Amino acid sequence: MEIVDVLHLIAERKIAEAIEQGVFDNLSLKGQPVDLSFNPLEPPERRLANKVLKNAGLSPIELSLHRELSELRREFSRVKDPTERERLAREIRWLVLQIHLLLKSKPSNEWAP
């Protein structure tokens, strides 16, 4: 059994115990739908810009790069040819570098055109 599975089981058990003890009975928003459009981890200074971009059908450059990175990683996991894997590994490293440099060098409210 993997550590992730063990942690999942522990979390599920703790949640079940809390439900049995009535810990969640008096929550202020109980019974209301969850607003999944709001990202609580998103910095406040980016919220408005992200909302405007989302409404325009665009995304911040970081999100585009992360999507591309995920696609490359999926492709890398499927490919068996060593030459192709090396090419994909180079692309992955390049994208990771771009993301790190972009996030490190940009002020939090600056967006790519």
N, C-alpha and C. Protein backbone atom coordinates (compact mmCIF):
# COMPACT_ATOMS: atom_id res chain seq x y z
N MET A 1 0.85 -1.18 0.00
CA MET A 1 0.00 0.00 0.00
C MET A 1 0.89 1.24 0.00
N GLU A 2 0.58 2.17 -0.88
CA GLU A 2 1.37 3.40 -0.99
C GLU A 2 1.03 4.36 0.13
N ILE A 3 1.95 5.29 0.39
CA ILE A 3 1.75 6.27 1.45
C ILE A 3 0.55 7.17 1.15
N VAL A 4 0.31 7.46 -0.14
CA VAL A 4 -0.84 8.28 -0.52
C VAL A 4 -2.13 7.57 -0.13
N ASP A 5 -2.19 6.26 -0.36
CA ASP A 5 -3.38 5.48 0.00
C ASP A 5 -3.60 5.50 1.51
N VAL A 6 -2.52 5.38 2.26
CA VAL A 6 -2.61 5.39 3.72
C VAL A 6 -3.12 6.75 4.20
N LEU A 7 -2.56 7.82 3.65
CA LEU A 7 -3.00 9.16 4.03
C LEU A 7 -4.46 9.38 3.66
N HIS A 8 -4.87 8.87 2.51
CA HIS A 8 -6.27 8.98 2.08
C HIS A 8 -7.18 8.26 3.08
N LEU A 9 -6.80 7.07 3.49
CA LEU A 9 -7.60 6.31 4.44
C LEU A 9 -7.70 7.02 5.79
N ILE A 10 -6.57 7.58 6.24
CA ILE A 10 -6.57 8.31 7.51
C ILE A 10 -7.49 9.53 7.43
N ALA A 11 -7.38 10.27 6.32
CA ALA A 11 -8.23 11.45 6.15
C ALA A 11 -9.70 11.06 6.12
N GLU A 12 -10.04 10.02 5.39
CA GLU A 12 -11.43 9.57 5.32
C GLU A 12 -11.94 9.16 6.70
N ARG A 13 -11.11 8.48 7.46
CA ARG A 13 -11.51 8.04 8.80
C ARG A 13 -11.75 9.24 9.72
N LYS A 14 -10.86 10.24 9.64
CA LYS A 14 -11.01 11.45 10.47
C LYS A 14 -12.27 12.22 10.09
N ILE A 15 -12.56 12.30 8.81
CA ILE A 15 -13.77 12.99 8.36
C ILE A 15 -15.01 12.25 8.86
N ALA A 16 -15.01 10.93 8.74
CA ALA A 16 -16.15 10.13 9.21
C ALA A 16 -16.36 10.32 10.72
N GLU A 17 -15.27 10.34 11.49
CA GLU A 17 -15.37 10.56 12.94
C GLU A 17 -15.95 11.94 13.24
N ALA A 18 -15.50 12.95 12.50
CA ALA A 18 -16.01 14.31 12.71
C ALA A 18 -17.50 14.39 12.39
N ILE A 19 -17.92 13.70 11.33
CA ILE A 19 -19.35 13.68 10.98
C ILE A 19 -20.15 13.03 12.10
N GLU A 20 -19.66 11.90 12.62
CA GLU A 20 -20.35 11.20 13.71
C GLU A 20 -20.45 12.07 14.96
N GLN A 21 -19.43 12.89 15.23
CA GLN A 21 -19.41 13.74 16.42
C GLN A 21 -20.20 15.04 16.20
N GLY A 22 -20.68 15.26 14.99
CA GLY A 22 -21.47 16.46 14.71
C GLY A 22 -20.65 17.72 14.52
N VAL A 23 -19.38 17.58 14.23
CA VAL A 23 -18.50 18.74 14.06
C VAL A 23 -18.98 19.64 12.92
N PHE A 24 -19.58 19.06 11.88
CA PHE A 24 -19.98 19.83 10.71
C PHE A 24 -21.46 20.26 10.76
N ASP A 25 -22.15 20.02 11.85
CA ASP A 25 -23.59 20.28 11.91
C ASP A 25 -23.96 21.75 11.89
N ASN A 26 -23.13 22.62 12.41
CA ASN A 26 -23.49 24.04 12.54
C ASN A 26 -22.67 24.95 11.65
N LEU A 27 -22.27 24.49 10.48
CA LEU A 27 -21.49 25.32 9.57
C LEU A 27 -22.40 26.39 8.95
N SER A 28 -21.86 27.59 8.77
CA SER A 28 -22.67 28.71 8.31
C SER A 28 -23.22 28.51 6.90
N LEU A 29 -22.53 27.82 6.05
CA LEU A 29 -22.97 27.63 4.66
C LEU A 29 -23.51 26.22 4.40
N LYS A 30 -23.87 25.52 5.46
CA LYS A 30 -24.35 24.14 5.33
C LYS A 30 -25.56 24.08 4.41
N GLY A 31 -25.52 23.14 3.47
CA GLY A 31 -26.62 22.93 2.55
C GLY A 31 -26.58 23.80 1.31
N GLN A 32 -25.63 24.71 1.23
CA GLN A 32 -25.52 25.58 0.06
C GLN A 32 -24.49 25.02 -0.90
N PRO A 33 -24.65 25.27 -2.20
CA PRO A 33 -23.67 24.76 -3.17
C PRO A 33 -22.32 25.43 -2.98
N VAL A 34 -21.28 24.69 -3.28
CA VAL A 34 -19.92 25.20 -3.17
C VAL A 34 -19.59 26.01 -4.41
N ASP A 35 -19.03 27.19 -4.21
CA ASP A 35 -18.61 28.05 -5.33
C ASP A 35 -17.23 27.60 -5.78
N LEU A 36 -17.17 26.83 -6.86
CA LEU A 36 -15.91 26.30 -7.35
C LEU A 36 -15.18 27.27 -8.28
N SER A 37 -15.77 28.41 -8.56
CA SER A 37 -15.12 29.38 -9.44
C SER A 37 -14.07 30.19 -8.69
N PHE A 38 -14.08 30.14 -7.38
CA PHE A 38 -13.17 30.92 -6.55
C PHE A 38 -12.01 30.03 -6.11
N ASN A 39 -10.81 30.50 -6.32
CA ASN A 39 -9.61 29.76 -5.89
C ASN A 39 -9.06 30.43 -4.64
N PRO A 40 -9.21 29.83 -3.47
CA PRO A 40 -8.75 30.47 -2.24
C PRO A 40 -7.22 30.61 -2.16
N LEU A 41 -6.50 29.87 -2.98
CA LEU A 41 -5.04 29.96 -2.97
C LEU A 41 -4.52 31.04 -3.91
N GLU A 42 -5.40 31.62 -4.70
CA GLU A 42 -5.01 32.65 -5.65
C GLU A 42 -4.73 33.95 -4.91
N PRO A 43 -3.59 34.58 -5.19
CA PRO A 43 -3.27 35.84 -4.52
C PRO A 43 -4.35 36.89 -4.83
N PRO A 44 -4.76 37.66 -3.83
CA PRO A 44 -5.83 38.65 -4.03
C PRO A 44 -5.53 39.63 -5.17
N GLU A 45 -4.27 39.99 -5.35
CA GLU A 45 -3.93 40.95 -6.39
C GLU A 45 -4.08 40.38 -7.80
N ARG A 46 -4.24 39.06 -7.92
CA ARG A 46 -4.42 38.44 -9.24
C ARG A 46 -5.87 38.11 -9.54
N ARG A 47 -6.74 38.16 -8.56
CA ARG A 47 -8.13 37.70 -8.75
C ARG A 47 -8.85 38.44 -9.85
N LEU A 48 -8.80 39.76 -9.81
CA LEU A 48 -9.52 40.54 -10.81
C LEU A 48 -8.96 40.29 -12.21
N ALA A 49 -7.64 40.29 -12.32
CA ALA A 49 -7.02 40.04 -13.63
C ALA A 49 -7.39 38.66 -14.15
N ASN A 50 -7.37 37.66 -13.29
CA ASN A 50 -7.74 36.30 -13.71
C ASN A 50 -9.20 36.23 -14.14
N LYS A 51 -10.07 36.94 -13.43
CA LYS A 51 -11.48 36.93 -13.79
C LYS A 51 -11.70 37.58 -15.15
N VAL A 52 -11.03 38.70 -15.39
CA VAL A 52 -11.15 39.38 -16.67
C VAL A 52 -10.64 38.49 -17.80
N LEU A 53 -9.48 37.87 -17.58
CA LEU A 53 -8.93 36.97 -18.59
C LEU A 53 -9.85 35.78 -18.85
N LYS A 54 -10.39 35.21 -17.78
CA LYS A 54 -11.28 34.07 -17.92
C LYS A 54 -12.53 34.45 -18.71
N ASN A 55 -13.10 35.62 -18.40
CA ASN A 55 -14.29 36.09 -19.12
C ASN A 55 -14.00 36.34 -20.59
N ALA A 56 -12.74 36.67 -20.91
CA ALA A 56 -12.35 36.92 -22.29
C ALA A 56 -11.91 35.65 -23.00
N GLY A 57 -11.94 34.52 -22.27
CA GLY A 57 -11.53 33.25 -22.86
C GLY A 57 -10.03 33.08 -22.93
N LEU A 58 -9.30 33.86 -22.16
CA LEU A 58 -7.84 33.79 -22.14
C LEU A 58 -7.37 33.28 -20.79
N SER A 59 -6.09 32.96 -20.72
CA SER A 59 -5.52 32.55 -19.44
C SER A 59 -4.14 33.16 -19.29
N PRO A 60 -3.70 33.33 -18.06
CA PRO A 60 -2.36 33.85 -17.84
C PRO A 60 -1.32 32.93 -18.49
N ILE A 61 -0.23 33.51 -18.88
CA ILE A 61 0.82 32.73 -19.55
C ILE A 61 1.28 31.55 -18.69
N GLU A 62 1.30 31.74 -17.38
CA GLU A 62 1.72 30.63 -16.51
C GLU A 62 0.81 29.42 -16.67
N LEU A 63 -0.49 29.67 -16.74
CA LEU A 63 -1.43 28.56 -16.88
C LEU A 63 -1.24 27.84 -18.21
N SER A 64 -1.02 28.62 -19.25
CA SER A 64 -0.79 28.01 -20.56
C SER A 64 0.46 27.14 -20.53
N LEU A 65 1.52 27.65 -19.91
CA LEU A 65 2.76 26.89 -19.82
C LEU A 65 2.57 25.63 -18.97
N HIS A 66 1.82 25.74 -17.88
CA HIS A 66 1.57 24.57 -17.04
C HIS A 66 0.75 23.52 -17.79
N ARG A 67 -0.23 23.97 -18.58
CA ARG A 67 -1.00 23.02 -19.39
C ARG A 67 -0.10 22.30 -20.39
N GLU A 68 0.75 23.08 -21.06
CA GLU A 68 1.66 22.49 -22.03
C GLU A 68 2.60 21.50 -21.35
N LEU A 69 3.07 21.86 -20.15
CA LEU A 69 3.95 20.98 -19.39
C LEU A 69 3.25 19.67 -19.05
N SER A 70 2.01 19.75 -18.62
CA SER A 70 1.25 18.54 -18.30
C SER A 70 1.09 17.65 -19.52
N GLU A 71 0.81 18.26 -20.67
CA GLU A 71 0.67 17.48 -21.90
C GLU A 71 1.98 16.79 -22.26
N LEU A 72 3.09 17.52 -22.14
CA LEU A 72 4.40 16.93 -22.45
C LEU A 72 4.72 15.78 -21.50
N ARG A 73 4.40 15.94 -20.23
CA ARG A 73 4.68 14.87 -19.26
C ARG A 73 3.84 13.63 -19.56
N ARG A 74 2.57 13.85 -19.95
CA ARG A 74 1.74 12.70 -20.32
C ARG A 74 2.31 11.99 -21.54
N GLU A 75 2.73 12.78 -22.52
CA GLU A 75 3.32 12.20 -23.73
C GLU A 75 4.60 11.45 -23.38
N PHE A 76 5.43 12.04 -22.52
CA PHE A 76 6.69 11.42 -22.10
C PHE A 76 6.42 10.06 -21.46
N SER A 77 5.39 9.96 -20.64
CA SER A 77 5.10 8.69 -19.96
C SER A 77 4.63 7.61 -20.93
N ARG A 78 4.08 8.01 -22.09
CA ARG A 78 3.59 7.04 -23.07
C ARG A 78 4.66 6.59 -24.06
N VAL A 79 5.63 7.46 -24.34
CA VAL A 79 6.62 7.19 -25.38
C VAL A 79 7.66 6.19 -24.88
N LYS A 80 8.04 5.27 -25.76
CA LYS A 80 9.04 4.25 -25.42
C LYS A 80 10.38 4.49 -26.13
N ASP A 81 10.35 5.17 -27.27
CA ASP A 81 11.56 5.42 -28.06
C ASP A 81 12.52 6.33 -27.28
N PRO A 82 13.77 5.87 -27.03
CA PRO A 82 14.73 6.66 -26.24
C PRO A 82 15.04 8.03 -26.84
N THR A 83 15.12 8.12 -28.15
CA THR A 83 15.41 9.40 -28.80
C THR A 83 14.27 10.38 -28.58
N GLU A 84 13.06 9.89 -28.75
CA GLU A 84 11.88 10.74 -28.55
C GLU A 84 11.73 11.14 -27.08
N ARG A 85 12.04 10.21 -26.18
CA ARG A 85 11.97 10.51 -24.74
C ARG A 85 12.98 11.61 -24.38
N GLU A 86 14.17 11.54 -24.97
CA GLU A 86 15.18 12.57 -24.69
C GLU A 86 14.72 13.93 -25.21
N ARG A 87 14.12 13.95 -26.39
CA ARG A 87 13.60 15.20 -26.95
C ARG A 87 12.53 15.79 -26.04
N LEU A 88 11.62 14.93 -25.59
CA LEU A 88 10.56 15.38 -24.69
C LEU A 88 11.12 15.85 -23.36
N ALA A 89 12.13 15.14 -22.85
CA ALA A 89 12.76 15.54 -21.59
C ALA A 89 13.37 16.93 -21.71
N ARG A 90 14.01 17.23 -22.86
CA ARG A 90 14.58 18.57 -23.09
C ARG A 90 13.48 19.62 -23.09
N GLU A 91 12.38 19.31 -23.78
CA GLU A 91 11.26 20.26 -23.83
C GLU A 91 10.67 20.49 -22.44
N ILE A 92 10.56 19.43 -21.67
CA ILE A 92 10.03 19.54 -20.30
C ILE A 92 10.94 20.42 -19.46
N ARG A 93 12.26 20.16 -19.52
CA ARG A 93 13.20 20.98 -18.75
C ARG A 93 13.13 22.44 -19.15
N TRP A 94 13.00 22.70 -20.46
CA TRP A 94 12.92 24.07 -20.96
C TRP A 94 11.66 24.76 -20.43
N LEU A 95 10.54 24.06 -20.47
CA LEU A 95 9.29 24.64 -19.97
C LEU A 95 9.36 24.91 -18.48
N VAL A 96 9.91 23.98 -17.73
CA VAL A 96 10.05 24.17 -16.28
C VAL A 96 10.90 25.41 -16.01
N LEU A 97 11.98 25.56 -16.74
CA LEU A 97 12.84 26.74 -16.59
C LEU A 97 12.07 28.01 -16.92
N GLN A 98 11.31 28.00 -18.02
CA GLN A 98 10.52 29.17 -18.39
C GLN A 98 9.52 29.55 -17.30
N ILE A 99 8.85 28.55 -16.76
CA ILE A 99 7.86 28.81 -15.71
C ILE A 99 8.53 29.40 -14.49
N HIS A 100 9.64 28.82 -14.07
CA HIS A 100 10.34 29.33 -12.88
C HIS A 100 10.82 30.76 -13.11
N LEU A 101 11.40 31.02 -14.26
CA LEU A 101 11.88 32.37 -14.55
C LEU A 101 10.73 33.36 -14.63
N LEU A 102 9.65 32.95 -15.24
CA LEU A 102 8.50 33.83 -15.38
C LEU A 102 7.92 34.18 -14.01
N LEU A 103 7.73 33.19 -13.18
CA LEU A 103 7.15 33.43 -11.87
C LEU A 103 8.09 34.21 -10.96
N LYS A 104 9.38 34.01 -11.15
CA LYS A 104 10.36 34.69 -10.31
C LYS A 104 10.54 36.15 -10.72
N SER A 105 10.44 36.43 -12.01
CA SER A 105 10.77 37.76 -12.50
C SER A 105 9.58 38.70 -12.65
N LYS A 106 8.36 38.13 -12.68
CA LYS A 106 7.19 38.98 -12.93
C LYS A 106 6.61 39.50 -11.63
N PRO A 107 6.23 40.77 -11.59
CA PRO A 107 5.42 41.22 -10.47
C PRO A 107 4.10 40.46 -10.51
N SER A 108 3.48 40.29 -9.38
CA SER A 108 2.29 39.43 -9.32
C SER A 108 1.12 39.94 -10.12
N ASN A 109 1.10 41.22 -10.50
CA ASN A 109 -0.04 41.72 -11.26
C ASN A 109 0.28 41.99 -12.73
N GLU A 110 1.43 41.53 -13.21
CA GLU A 110 1.81 41.74 -14.61
C GLU A 110 1.45 40.52 -15.43
N TRP A 111 0.86 40.73 -16.60
CA TRP A 111 0.42 39.63 -17.45
C TRP A 111 1.01 39.76 -18.81
N ALA A 112 1.18 38.62 -19.46
CA ALA A 112 1.70 38.62 -20.83
C ALA A 112 0.59 39.06 -21.78
N PRO A 113 0.95 39.68 -22.88
CA PRO A 113 -0.08 40.12 -23.85
C PRO A 113 -0.78 38.95 -24.49
